[in-house]
PDB file of all heavy atoms in Angstrom:
ATOM      1  N   THR A   1     -13.915 -38.307  63.349  1.00  0.00           N
ATOM      2  CA  THR A   1     -15.365 -38.315  63.216  1.00  0.00           C
ATOM      3  C   THR A   1     -16.005 -39.441  64.015  1.00  0.00           C
ATOM      4  O   THR A   1     -15.368 -40.458  64.304  1.00  0.00           O
ATOM      5  CB  THR A   1     -15.781 -38.447  61.750  1.00  0.00           C
ATOM      6  OG1 THR A   1     -15.222 -39.659  61.213  1.00  0.00           O
ATOM      7  CG2 THR A   1     -15.286 -37.273  60.922  1.00  0.00           C
ATOM      8  N   ASN A   2     -17.256 -39.227  64.339  1.00  0.00           N
ATOM      9  CA  ASN A   2     -18.029 -40.217  65.067  1.00  0.00           C
ATOM     10  C   ASN A   2     -19.462 -40.117  64.578  1.00  0.00           C
ATOM     11  O   ASN A   2     -19.975 -39.003  64.387  1.00  0.00           O
ATOM     12  CB  ASN A   2     -17.957 -39.952  66.570  1.00  0.00           C
ATOM     13  CG  ASN A   2     -18.582 -41.061  67.383  1.00  0.00           C
ATOM     14  OD1 ASN A   2     -18.522 -42.223  66.996  1.00  0.00           O
ATOM     15  ND2 ASN A   2     -19.162 -40.712  68.509  1.00  0.00           N
ATOM     16  N   TYR A   3     -20.099 -41.290  64.373  1.00  0.00           N
ATOM     17  CA  TYR A   3     -21.447 -41.306  63.821  1.00  0.00           C
ATOM     18  C   TYR A   3     -22.382 -42.151  64.682  1.00  0.00           C
ATOM     19  O   TYR A   3     -21.972 -43.155  65.268  1.00  0.00           O
ATOM     20  CB  TYR A   3     -21.448 -41.888  62.408  1.00  0.00           C
ATOM     21  CG  TYR A   3     -20.667 -41.086  61.416  1.00  0.00           C
ATOM     22  CD1 TYR A   3     -19.321 -41.353  61.172  1.00  0.00           C
ATOM     23  CD2 TYR A   3     -21.273 -40.050  60.706  1.00  0.00           C
ATOM     24  CE1 TYR A   3     -18.593 -40.611  60.260  1.00  0.00           C
ATOM     25  CE2 TYR A   3     -20.554 -39.302  59.786  1.00  0.00           C
ATOM     26  CZ  TYR A   3     -19.216 -39.587  59.569  1.00  0.00           C
ATOM     27  OH  TYR A   3     -18.506 -38.842  58.667  1.00  0.00           O
ATOM     28  N   ALA A   4     -23.632 -41.765  64.698  1.00  0.00           N
ATOM     29  CA  ALA A   4     -24.651 -42.607  65.292  1.00  0.00           C
ATOM     30  C   ALA A   4     -24.807 -43.855  64.428  1.00  0.00           C
ATOM     31  O   ALA A   4     -24.662 -43.789  63.194  1.00  0.00           O
ATOM     32  CB  ALA A   4     -25.972 -41.860  65.380  1.00  0.00           C
ATOM     33  N   ASP A   5     -25.100 -44.969  65.056  1.00  0.00           N
ATOM     34  CA  ASP A   5     -25.262 -46.211  64.302  1.00  0.00           C
ATOM     35  C   ASP A   5     -26.339 -46.088  63.230  1.00  0.00           C
ATOM     36  O   ASP A   5     -26.244 -46.694  62.171  1.00  0.00           O
ATOM     37  CB  ASP A   5     -25.614 -47.358  65.253  1.00  0.00           C
ATOM     38  CG  ASP A   5     -24.437 -47.782  66.108  1.00  0.00           C
ATOM     39  OD1 ASP A   5     -23.284 -47.442  65.769  1.00  0.00           O
ATOM     40  OD2 ASP A   5     -24.666 -48.458  67.132  1.00  0.00           O
ATOM     41  N   SER A   6     -27.348 -45.287  63.515  1.00  0.00           N
ATOM     42  CA  SER A   6     -28.484 -45.169  62.604  1.00  0.00           C
ATOM     43  C   SER A   6     -28.119 -44.501  61.283  1.00  0.00           C
ATOM     44  O   SER A   6     -28.855 -44.655  60.296  1.00  0.00           O
ATOM     45  CB  SER A   6     -29.616 -44.392  63.279  1.00  0.00           C
ATOM     46  OG  SER A   6     -29.170 -43.107  63.661  1.00  0.00           O
ATOM     47  N   VAL A   7     -27.025 -43.757  61.256  1.00  0.00           N
ATOM     48  CA  VAL A   7     -26.643 -43.055  60.017  1.00  0.00           C
ATOM     49  C   VAL A   7     -25.286 -43.508  59.485  1.00  0.00           C
ATOM     50  O   VAL A   7     -24.869 -43.072  58.411  1.00  0.00           O
ATOM     51  CB  VAL A   7     -26.621 -41.524  60.219  1.00  0.00           C
ATOM     52  CG1 VAL A   7     -27.982 -41.036  60.700  1.00  0.00           C
ATOM     53  CG2 VAL A   7     -25.504 -41.101  61.158  1.00  0.00           C
ATOM     54  N   LYS A   8     -24.613 -44.373  60.232  1.00  0.00           N
ATOM     55  CA  LYS A   8     -23.286 -44.818  59.815  1.00  0.00           C
ATOM     56  C   LYS A   8     -23.352 -45.477  58.451  1.00  0.00           C
ATOM     57  O   LYS A   8     -24.225 -46.301  58.184  1.00  0.00           O
ATOM     58  CB  LYS A   8     -22.731 -45.785  60.866  1.00  0.00           C
ATOM     59  CG  LYS A   8     -21.232 -45.963  60.841  1.00  0.00           C
ATOM     60  CD  LYS A   8     -20.771 -46.763  62.046  1.00  0.00           C
ATOM     61  CE  LYS A   8     -20.970 -46.050  63.348  1.00  0.00           C
ATOM     62  NZ  LYS A   8     -20.466 -46.798  64.519  1.00  0.00           N
ATOM     63  N   GLY A   9     -22.435 -45.106  57.584  1.00  0.00           N
ATOM     64  CA  GLY A   9     -22.404 -45.647  56.232  1.00  0.00           C
ATOM     65  C   GLY A   9     -23.281 -44.875  55.257  1.00  0.00           C
ATOM     66  O   GLY A   9     -23.184 -45.074  54.044  1.00  0.00           O
ATOM     67  N   ARG A  10     -24.144 -44.011  55.777  1.00  0.00           N
ATOM     68  CA  ARG A  10     -25.028 -43.216  54.917  1.00  0.00           C
ATOM     69  C   ARG A  10     -24.739 -41.730  55.015  1.00  0.00           C
ATOM     70  O   ARG A  10     -25.316 -40.939  54.250  1.00  0.00           O
ATOM     71  CB  ARG A  10     -26.500 -43.446  55.298  1.00  0.00           C
ATOM     72  CG  ARG A  10     -26.976 -44.864  55.225  1.00  0.00           C
ATOM     73  CD  ARG A  10     -28.487 -44.955  55.407  1.00  0.00           C
ATOM     74  NE  ARG A  10     -28.917 -44.561  56.736  1.00  0.00           N
ATOM     75  CZ  ARG A  10     -29.754 -43.546  56.982  1.00  0.00           C
ATOM     76  NH1 ARG A  10     -30.224 -42.808  55.986  1.00  0.00           N
ATOM     77  NH2 ARG A  10     -30.130 -43.262  58.228  1.00  0.00           N
ATOM     78  N   SER A  11     -23.897 -41.355  55.963  1.00  0.00           N
ATOM     79  CA  SER A  11     -23.662 -39.937  56.208  1.00  0.00           C
ATOM     80  C   SER A  11     -22.179 -39.649  56.342  1.00  0.00           C
ATOM     81  O   SER A  11     -21.416 -40.507  56.802  1.00  0.00           O
ATOM     82  CB  SER A  11     -24.377 -39.491  57.499  1.00  0.00           C
ATOM     83  OG  SER A  11     -25.768 -39.664  57.395  1.00  0.00           O
ATOM     84  N   THR A  12     -21.805 -38.443  55.961  1.00  0.00           N
ATOM     85  CA  THR A  12     -20.423 -37.988  56.100  1.00  0.00           C
ATOM     86  C   THR A  12     -20.429 -36.579  56.644  1.00  0.00           C
ATOM     87  O   THR A  12     -21.055 -35.685  56.064  1.00  0.00           O
ATOM     88  CB  THR A  12     -19.693 -38.014  54.756  1.00  0.00           C
ATOM     89  OG1 THR A  12     -19.715 -39.334  54.222  1.00  0.00           O
ATOM     90  CG2 THR A  12     -18.252 -37.563  54.930  1.00  0.00           C
ATOM     91  N   ILE A  13     -19.731 -36.392  57.753  1.00  0.00           N
ATOM     92  CA  ILE A  13     -19.563 -35.057  58.306  1.00  0.00           C
ATOM     93  C   ILE A  13     -18.183 -34.555  57.898  1.00  0.00           C
ATOM     94  O   ILE A  13     -17.207 -35.320  57.882  1.00  0.00           O
ATOM     95  CB  ILE A  13     -19.731 -35.052  59.844  1.00  0.00           C
ATOM     96  CG1 ILE A  13     -19.734 -33.625  60.389  1.00  0.00           C
ATOM     97  CG2 ILE A  13     -18.675 -35.913  60.528  1.00  0.00           C
ATOM     98  CD1 ILE A  13     -20.126 -33.528  61.856  1.00  0.00           C
ATOM     99  N   SER A  14     -18.108 -33.299  57.562  1.00  0.00           N
ATOM    100  CA  SER A  14     -16.828 -32.705  57.168  1.00  0.00           C
ATOM    101  C   SER A  14     -16.822 -31.246  57.596  1.00  0.00           C
ATOM    102  O   SER A  14     -17.864 -30.675  57.926  1.00  0.00           O
ATOM    103  CB  SER A  14     -16.613 -32.824  55.659  1.00  0.00           C
ATOM    104  OG  SER A  14     -17.629 -32.152  54.945  1.00  0.00           O
ATOM    105  N   ARG A  15     -15.641 -30.669  57.583  1.00  0.00           N
ATOM    106  CA  ARG A  15     -15.524 -29.270  57.960  1.00  0.00           C
ATOM    107  C   ARG A  15     -14.542 -28.564  57.047  1.00  0.00           C
ATOM    108  O   ARG A  15     -13.594 -29.171  56.552  1.00  0.00           O
ATOM    109  CB  ARG A  15     -15.100 -29.140  59.426  1.00  0.00           C
ATOM    110  CG  ARG A  15     -13.726 -29.692  59.749  1.00  0.00           C
ATOM    111  CD  ARG A  15     -13.480 -29.769  61.260  1.00  0.00           C
ATOM    112  NE  ARG A  15     -13.561 -28.456  61.898  1.00  0.00           N
ATOM    113  CZ  ARG A  15     -13.762 -28.266  63.196  1.00  0.00           C
ATOM    114  NH1 ARG A  15     -13.932 -29.315  64.005  1.00  0.00           N
ATOM    115  NH2 ARG A  15     -13.806 -27.050  63.700  1.00  0.00           N
ATOM    116  N   ASP A  16     -14.788 -27.273  56.868  1.00  0.00           N
ATOM    117  CA  ASP A  16     -13.882 -26.412  56.110  1.00  0.00           C
ATOM    118  C   ASP A  16     -13.523 -25.267  57.046  1.00  0.00           C
ATOM    119  O   ASP A  16     -14.314 -24.322  57.209  1.00  0.00           O
ATOM    120  CB  ASP A  16     -14.575 -25.921  54.842  1.00  0.00           C
ATOM    121  CG  ASP A  16     -13.649 -25.121  53.942  1.00  0.00           C
ATOM    122  OD1 ASP A  16     -12.645 -24.581  54.448  1.00  0.00           O
ATOM    123  OD2 ASP A  16     -13.935 -25.024  52.740  1.00  0.00           O
ATOM    124  N   ASN A  17     -12.379 -25.344  57.645  1.00  0.00           N
ATOM    125  CA  ASN A  17     -11.980 -24.329  58.622  1.00  0.00           C
ATOM    126  C   ASN A  17     -11.761 -22.957  57.983  1.00  0.00           C
ATOM    127  O   ASN A  17     -11.913 -21.935  58.638  1.00  0.00           O
ATOM    128  CB  ASN A  17     -10.720 -24.768  59.362  1.00  0.00           C
ATOM    129  CG  ASN A  17     -10.973 -25.922  60.309  1.00  0.00           C
ATOM    130  OD1 ASN A  17     -12.109 -26.184  60.714  1.00  0.00           O
ATOM    131  ND2 ASN A  17      -9.919 -26.643  60.653  1.00  0.00           N
ATOM    132  N   ALA A  18     -11.425 -22.950  56.708  1.00  0.00           N
ATOM    133  CA  ALA A  18     -11.236 -21.678  56.011  1.00  0.00           C
ATOM    134  C   ALA A  18     -12.566 -20.937  55.839  1.00  0.00           C
ATOM    135  O   ALA A  18     -12.596 -19.703  55.758  1.00  0.00           O
ATOM    136  CB  ALA A  18     -10.585 -21.909  54.667  1.00  0.00           C
ATOM    137  N   LYS A  19     -13.649 -21.710  55.793  1.00  0.00           N
ATOM    138  CA  LYS A  19     -14.976 -21.116  55.606  1.00  0.00           C
ATOM    139  C   LYS A  19     -15.802 -21.127  56.885  1.00  0.00           C
ATOM    140  O   LYS A  19     -16.973 -20.718  56.870  1.00  0.00           O
ATOM    141  CB  LYS A  19     -15.736 -21.861  54.504  1.00  0.00           C
ATOM    142  CG  LYS A  19     -15.112 -21.737  53.134  1.00  0.00           C
ATOM    143  CD  LYS A  19     -15.946 -22.460  52.082  1.00  0.00           C
ATOM    144  CE  LYS A  19     -15.334 -22.287  50.692  1.00  0.00           C
ATOM    145  NZ  LYS A  19     -16.144 -22.990  49.656  1.00  0.00           N
ATOM    146  N   ASN A  20     -15.211 -21.622  57.978  1.00  0.00           N
ATOM    147  CA  ASN A  20     -15.943 -21.723  59.246  1.00  0.00           C
ATOM    148  C   ASN A  20     -17.275 -22.454  59.070  1.00  0.00           C
ATOM    149  O   ASN A  20     -18.312 -22.046  59.612  1.00  0.00           O
ATOM    150  CB  ASN A  20     -16.215 -20.331  59.846  1.00  0.00           C
ATOM    151  CG  ASN A  20     -14.970 -19.708  60.432  1.00  0.00           C
ATOM    152  OD1 ASN A  20     -13.878 -20.260  60.353  1.00  0.00           O
ATOM    153  ND2 ASN A  20     -15.116 -18.519  60.998  1.00  0.00           N
ATOM    154  N   THR A  21     -17.227 -23.535  58.325  1.00  0.00           N
ATOM    155  CA  THR A  21     -18.445 -24.250  57.971  1.00  0.00           C
ATOM    156  C   THR A  21     -18.275 -25.748  58.193  1.00  0.00           C
ATOM    157  O   THR A  21     -17.213 -26.308  57.884  1.00  0.00           O
ATOM    158  CB  THR A  21     -18.835 -23.974  56.516  1.00  0.00           C
ATOM    159  OG1 THR A  21     -19.040 -22.556  56.352  1.00  0.00           O
ATOM    160  CG2 THR A  21     -20.115 -24.697  56.133  1.00  0.00           C
ATOM    161  N   VAL A  22     -19.337 -26.359  58.705  1.00  0.00           N
ATOM    162  CA  VAL A  22     -19.380 -27.807  58.849  1.00  0.00           C
ATOM    163  C   VAL A  22     -20.533 -28.328  57.992  1.00  0.00           C
ATOM    164  O   VAL A  22     -21.561 -27.656  57.852  1.00  0.00           O
ATOM    165  CB  VAL A  22     -19.531 -28.219  60.325  1.00  0.00           C
ATOM    166  CG1 VAL A  22     -20.832 -27.709  60.926  1.00  0.00           C
ATOM    167  CG2 VAL A  22     -19.419 -29.729  60.489  1.00  0.00           C
ATOM    168  N   TYR A  23     -20.327 -29.498  57.419  1.00  0.00           N
ATOM    169  CA  TYR A  23     -21.294 -30.079  56.498  1.00  0.00           C
ATOM    170  C   TYR A  23     -21.741 -31.455  56.992  1.00  0.00           C
ATOM    171  O   TYR A  23     -21.011 -32.157  57.687  1.00  0.00           O
ATOM    172  CB  TYR A  23     -20.694 -30.233  55.108  1.00  0.00           C
ATOM    173  CG  TYR A  23     -20.136 -28.970  54.525  1.00  0.00           C
ATOM    174  CD1 TYR A  23     -18.774 -28.685  54.624  1.00  0.00           C
ATOM    175  CD2 TYR A  23     -20.954 -28.059  53.879  1.00  0.00           C
ATOM    176  CE1 TYR A  23     -18.249 -27.517  54.086  1.00  0.00           C
ATOM    177  CE2 TYR A  23     -20.437 -26.889  53.336  1.00  0.00           C
ATOM    178  CZ  TYR A  23     -19.076 -26.622  53.442  1.00  0.00           C
ATOM    179  OH  TYR A  23     -18.568 -25.462  52.918  1.00  0.00           O
ATOM    180  N   LEU A  24     -22.938 -31.828  56.568  1.00  0.00           N
ATOM    181  CA  LEU A  24     -23.405 -33.186  56.778  1.00  0.00           C
ATOM    182  C   LEU A  24     -24.015 -33.663  55.458  1.00  0.00           C
ATOM    183  O   LEU A  24     -25.057 -33.146  55.042  1.00  0.00           O
ATOM    184  CB  LEU A  24     -24.442 -33.272  57.893  1.00  0.00           C
ATOM    185  CG  LEU A  24     -24.950 -34.682  58.193  1.00  0.00           C
ATOM    186  CD1 LEU A  24     -23.828 -35.528  58.806  1.00  0.00           C
ATOM    187  CD2 LEU A  24     -26.152 -34.649  59.138  1.00  0.00           C
ATOM    188  N   GLN A  25     -23.331 -34.580  54.815  1.00  0.00           N
ATOM    189  CA  GLN A  25     -23.834 -35.178  53.587  1.00  0.00           C
ATOM    190  C   GLN A  25     -24.590 -36.440  53.967  1.00  0.00           C
ATOM    191  O   GLN A  25     -24.033 -37.330  54.613  1.00  0.00           O
ATOM    192  CB  GLN A  25     -22.683 -35.515  52.646  1.00  0.00           C
ATOM    193  CG  GLN A  25     -23.102 -36.198  51.363  1.00  0.00           C
ATOM    194  CD  GLN A  25     -23.820 -35.264  50.418  1.00  0.00           C
ATOM    195  OE1 GLN A  25     -23.383 -34.143  50.176  1.00  0.00           O
ATOM    196  NE2 GLN A  25     -24.949 -35.714  49.869  1.00  0.00           N
ATOM    197  N   MET A  26     -25.837 -36.509  53.572  1.00  0.00           N
ATOM    198  CA  MET A  26     -26.668 -37.650  53.910  1.00  0.00           C
ATOM    199  C   MET A  26     -27.196 -38.280  52.635  1.00  0.00           C
ATOM    200  O   MET A  26     -27.642 -37.581  51.722  1.00  0.00           O
ATOM    201  CB  MET A  26     -27.837 -37.227  54.801  1.00  0.00           C
ATOM    202  CG  MET A  26     -27.418 -36.525  56.080  1.00  0.00           C
ATOM    203  SD  MET A  26     -28.823 -36.035  57.084  1.00  0.00           S
ATOM    204  CE  MET A  26     -29.418 -37.629  57.588  1.00  0.00           C
ATOM    205  N   SER A  27     -27.165 -39.596  52.571  1.00  0.00           N
ATOM    206  CA  SER A  27     -27.665 -40.307  51.407  1.00  0.00           C
ATOM    207  C   SER A  27     -28.528 -41.481  51.868  1.00  0.00           C
ATOM    208  O   SER A  27     -28.591 -41.791  53.052  1.00  0.00           O
ATOM    209  CB  SER A  27     -26.505 -40.791  50.540  1.00  0.00           C
ATOM    210  OG  SER A  27     -25.672 -41.666  51.266  1.00  0.00           O
ATOM    211  N   SER A  28     -29.170 -42.107  50.905  1.00  0.00           N
ATOM    212  CA  SER A  28     -30.081 -43.229  51.201  1.00  0.00           C
ATOM    213  C   SER A  28     -31.033 -42.862  52.334  1.00  0.00           C
ATOM    214  O   SER A  28     -31.227 -43.630  53.281  1.00  0.00           O
ATOM    215  CB  SER A  28     -29.284 -44.486  51.561  1.00  0.00           C
ATOM    216  OG  SER A  28     -28.419 -44.851  50.510  1.00  0.00           O
ATOM    217  N   LEU A  29     -31.599 -41.695  52.212  1.00  0.00           N
ATOM    218  CA  LEU A  29     -32.432 -41.178  53.295  1.00  0.00           C
ATOM    219  C   LEU A  29     -33.694 -42.010  53.471  1.00  0.00           C
ATOM    220  O   LEU A  29     -34.274 -42.531  52.497  1.00  0.00           O
ATOM    221  CB  LEU A  29     -32.785 -39.719  53.029  1.00  0.00           C
ATOM    222  CG  LEU A  29     -31.643 -38.739  53.311  1.00  0.00           C
ATOM    223  CD1 LEU A  29     -31.876 -37.405  52.635  1.00  0.00           C
ATOM    224  CD2 LEU A  29     -31.453 -38.557  54.807  1.00  0.00           C
ATOM    225  N   LYS A  30     -34.107 -42.127  54.735  1.00  0.00           N
ATOM    226  CA  LYS A  30     -35.280 -42.910  55.102  1.00  0.00           C
ATOM    227  C   LYS A  30     -36.307 -42.007  55.785  1.00  0.00           C
ATOM    228  O   LYS A  30     -35.934 -40.964  56.344  1.00  0.00           O
ATOM    229  CB  LYS A  30     -34.862 -44.009  56.079  1.00  0.00           C
ATOM    230  CG  LYS A  30     -33.732 -44.882  55.598  1.00  0.00           C
ATOM    231  CD  LYS A  30     -33.286 -45.836  56.689  1.00  0.00           C
ATOM    232  CE  LYS A  30     -32.103 -46.684  56.254  1.00  0.00           C
ATOM    233  NZ  LYS A  30     -31.660 -47.615  57.326  1.00  0.00           N
TER     234      LYS A  30
END
């Protein structure tokens, strides 16, 4: 994974290859 500095520590990208889906969990939104 790789993150922009602006979201690092507040966001998590993940993928589920079985579901052909990618996710972006974002917290502490501004």
